[in-house]
Amino acid sequence: MEGPSYSFGIGSEQLEDMLEGLTAGDLESRFGEANSIHWIIGHLAGARRMLCGLLGMPASSHMLDWSRFFNMGSSHSEVEEWPDCDSLIEDFRDIGLRLCRRLDEMPPEELEKPVARPGWSEDAKLWQAVGFFAWHEAYHLGQIGLIRRLLDYPALV
């Protein structure tokens, strides 16, 4: 794994490490109005699905209509309707494997293609989108790390 896929491979490994030893209650814990680890995992899986779409890949076939629960600004009030955390983790892993494979196989010139996304500049390139999604994932994994510390678990790094 090298190049653009490296960050997503590390993200998958880090999530596994971060979840080690956490209880079901820990995954649902919230501090103030902050999101829970459960929500963050759903949000990250949804972001990976979105990147798959930009790369011309189909998202995984299971759990197709759950991402609306984890969009930016969504509410925890619908938590009873959320998919269980284990299913979201499985989806995150599955998408990550396929995403890394696709990025490793992509010719560099394909990453120069323009990408149309609302709110992005008209001349945005696919490599910039990949970079944004890698940054986005690292940001939210950092939130999970902080929640671990607030729950009195040891730091990972």
Protein backbone atom coordinates (compact mmCIF):
# COMPACT_ATOMS: atom_id res chain seq x y z
CA MET A 1 0.00 0.00 0.00
CA GLU A 2 1.51 3.30 -1.06
CA GLY A 3 0.56 6.64 -2.50
CA PRO A 4 -2.98 7.84 -2.00
CA SER A 5 -4.22 4.59 -0.48
CA TYR A 6 -1.75 4.70 2.41
CA SER A 7 -3.79 7.11 4.53
CA PHE A 8 -6.97 5.04 4.22
CA GLY A 9 -5.11 1.85 5.14
CA ILE A 10 -3.70 3.55 8.24
CA GLY A 11 -7.21 4.85 9.05
CA SER A 12 -8.62 1.33 8.99
CA GLU A 13 -5.84 0.05 11.26
CA GLN A 14 -6.18 2.99 13.65
CA LEU A 15 -9.93 2.52 14.01
CA GLU A 16 -9.38 -1.13 14.95
CA ASP A 17 -6.87 -0.09 17.62
CA MET A 18 -9.10 2.71 18.91
CA LEU A 19 -12.08 0.41 19.39
CA GLU A 20 -10.09 -2.24 21.28
CA GLY A 21 -11.58 -2.69 24.74
CA LEU A 22 -14.42 -0.18 24.36
CA THR A 23 -17.85 -1.23 25.58
CA ALA A 24 -21.17 -0.78 23.77
CA GLY A 25 -21.91 2.02 26.23
CA ASP A 26 -18.61 3.72 25.39
CA LEU A 27 -19.55 3.74 21.70
CA GLU A 28 -22.74 5.65 22.55
CA SER A 29 -21.17 8.11 25.03
CA ARG A 30 -21.47 11.80 24.22
CA PHE A 31 -19.80 14.75 25.85
CA GLY A 32 -22.10 17.74 25.69
CA GLU A 33 -23.48 18.04 22.18
CA ALA A 34 -20.53 16.23 20.61
CA ASN A 35 -21.14 13.16 18.48
CA SER A 36 -20.69 9.63 19.78
CA ILE A 37 -18.12 7.18 18.44
CA HIS A 38 -21.05 5.26 16.91
CA TRP A 39 -22.06 8.38 14.94
CA ILE A 40 -18.48 9.13 13.89
CA ILE A 41 -18.00 5.60 12.53
CA GLY A 42 -21.22 5.91 10.51
CA HIS A 43 -20.08 9.32 9.24
CA LEU A 44 -16.68 7.96 8.21
CA ALA A 45 -18.19 4.95 6.44
CA GLY A 46 -20.51 7.34 4.60
CA ALA A 47 -17.58 9.54 3.58
CA ARG A 48 -15.72 6.52 2.25
CA ARG A 49 -18.83 5.60 0.26
CA MET A 50 -18.93 9.12 -1.16
CA LEU A 51 -15.28 8.87 -2.22
CA CYS A 52 -16.03 5.52 -3.87
CA GLY A 53 -18.67 7.29 -5.93
CA LEU A 54 -16.19 9.98 -7.00
CA LEU A 55 -13.76 7.22 -8.02
CA GLY A 56 -16.46 5.53 -10.11
CA MET A 57 -16.86 2.57 -7.75
CA PRO A 58 -20.12 1.19 -6.44
CA ALA A 59 -20.49 1.33 -2.67
CA SER A 60 -21.03 -1.97 -0.89
CA SER A 61 -24.44 -3.47 -1.49
CA HIS A 62 -25.60 -3.83 2.10
CA MET A 63 -27.01 -1.05 4.27
CA LEU A 64 -27.72 1.26 1.35
CA ASP A 65 -30.07 3.72 3.04
CA TRP A 66 -28.37 4.58 6.31
CA SER A 67 -25.98 7.40 5.44
CA ARG A 68 -28.58 10.14 6.02
CA PHE A 69 -28.29 9.49 9.76
CA PHE A 70 -24.62 10.46 9.74
CA ASN A 71 -24.50 13.53 7.52
CA MET A 72 -23.00 16.71 8.90
CA GLY A 73 -25.64 18.39 11.07
CA SER A 74 -27.75 15.25 11.50
CA SER A 75 -29.40 14.61 14.84
CA HIS A 76 -28.87 11.99 17.52
CA SER A 77 -32.64 11.97 18.00
CA GLU A 78 -32.96 9.26 15.33
CA VAL A 79 -30.53 6.92 17.09
CA GLU A 80 -33.11 4.11 17.40
CA GLU A 81 -33.11 3.85 13.59
CA TRP A 82 -29.34 3.70 13.19
CA PRO A 83 -27.66 0.53 12.01
CA ASP A 84 -25.76 -1.19 14.81
CA CYS A 85 -22.15 -0.16 15.30
CA ASP A 86 -20.73 -3.58 14.33
CA SER A 87 -22.42 -3.34 10.91
CA LEU A 88 -21.01 0.16 10.39
CA ILE A 89 -17.51 -1.00 11.36
CA GLU A 90 -17.80 -3.90 8.90
CA ASP A 91 -18.94 -1.47 6.19
CA PHE A 92 -16.02 0.89 6.99
CA ARG A 93 -13.54 -2.01 6.71
CA ASP A 94 -15.08 -3.41 3.50
CA ILE A 95 -15.14 -0.05 1.79
CA GLY A 96 -11.60 0.68 2.98
CA LEU A 97 -10.20 -2.50 1.43
CA ARG A 98 -11.88 -1.83 -1.90
CA LEU A 99 -10.94 1.86 -1.79
CA CYS A 100 -7.26 1.08 -1.18
CA ARG A 101 -7.24 -1.49 -3.99
CA ARG A 102 -8.83 1.00 -6.39
CA LEU A 103 -6.41 3.79 -5.46
CA ASP A 104 -3.40 1.46 -5.81
CA GLU A 105 -4.55 0.38 -9.28
CA MET A 106 -5.42 3.87 -10.58
CA PRO A 107 -3.08 5.34 -13.17
CA PRO A 108 -1.75 8.72 -11.93
CA GLU A 109 -3.31 10.58 -14.88
CA GLU A 110 -6.76 9.44 -13.76
CA LEU A 111 -6.28 11.40 -10.53
CA GLU A 112 -5.93 14.55 -12.65
CA LYS A 113 -9.53 14.32 -13.85
CA PRO A 114 -11.87 17.09 -12.75
CA VAL A 115 -14.35 16.27 -10.03
CA ALA A 116 -17.76 17.92 -9.78
CA ARG A 117 -18.94 18.39 -6.21
CA PRO A 118 -21.25 21.09 -4.86
CA GLY A 119 -19.26 23.73 -2.99
CA TRP A 120 -15.91 22.77 -4.53
CA SER A 121 -14.08 24.88 -7.08
CA GLU A 122 -14.84 24.26 -10.72
CA ASP A 123 -11.26 23.18 -11.39
CA ALA A 124 -11.01 20.67 -8.51
CA LYS A 125 -9.17 17.49 -9.41
CA LEU A 126 -9.75 13.95 -8.20
CA TRP A 127 -6.40 13.89 -6.36
CA GLN A 128 -7.57 16.90 -4.35
CA ALA A 129 -10.78 15.11 -3.42
CA VAL A 130 -8.80 12.06 -2.29
CA GLY A 131 -6.60 14.35 -0.18
CA PHE A 132 -9.63 16.06 1.35
CA PHE A 133 -11.27 12.75 2.28
CA ALA A 134 -8.00 11.48 3.81
CA TRP A 135 -7.76 14.67 5.90
CA HIS A 136 -11.45 14.40 6.86
CA GLU A 137 -10.96 10.83 8.04
CA ALA A 138 -7.89 11.72 10.11
CA TYR A 139 -9.80 14.60 11.71
CA HIS A 140 -12.64 12.33 12.85
CA LEU A 141 -10.30 9.55 13.96
CA GLY A 142 -8.70 12.19 16.17
CA GLN A 143 -12.11 12.86 17.68
CA ILE A 144 -12.46 9.17 18.51
CA GLY A 145 -9.03 9.29 20.14
CA LEU A 146 -10.11 12.25 22.25
CA ILE A 147 -13.33 10.50 23.29
CA ARG A 148 -11.25 7.48 24.35
CA ARG A 149 -9.19 9.73 26.62
CA LEU A 150 -12.30 11.38 28.05
CA LEU A 151 -13.56 7.88 28.86
CA ASP A 152 -10.28 7.25 30.75
CA TYR A 153 -8.76 4.84 28.23
CA PRO A 154 -5.03 5.13 27.52
CA ALA A 155 -3.70 7.15 24.60
CA LEU A 156 -2.77 5.14 21.53
CA VAL A 157 0.19 7.23 20.41
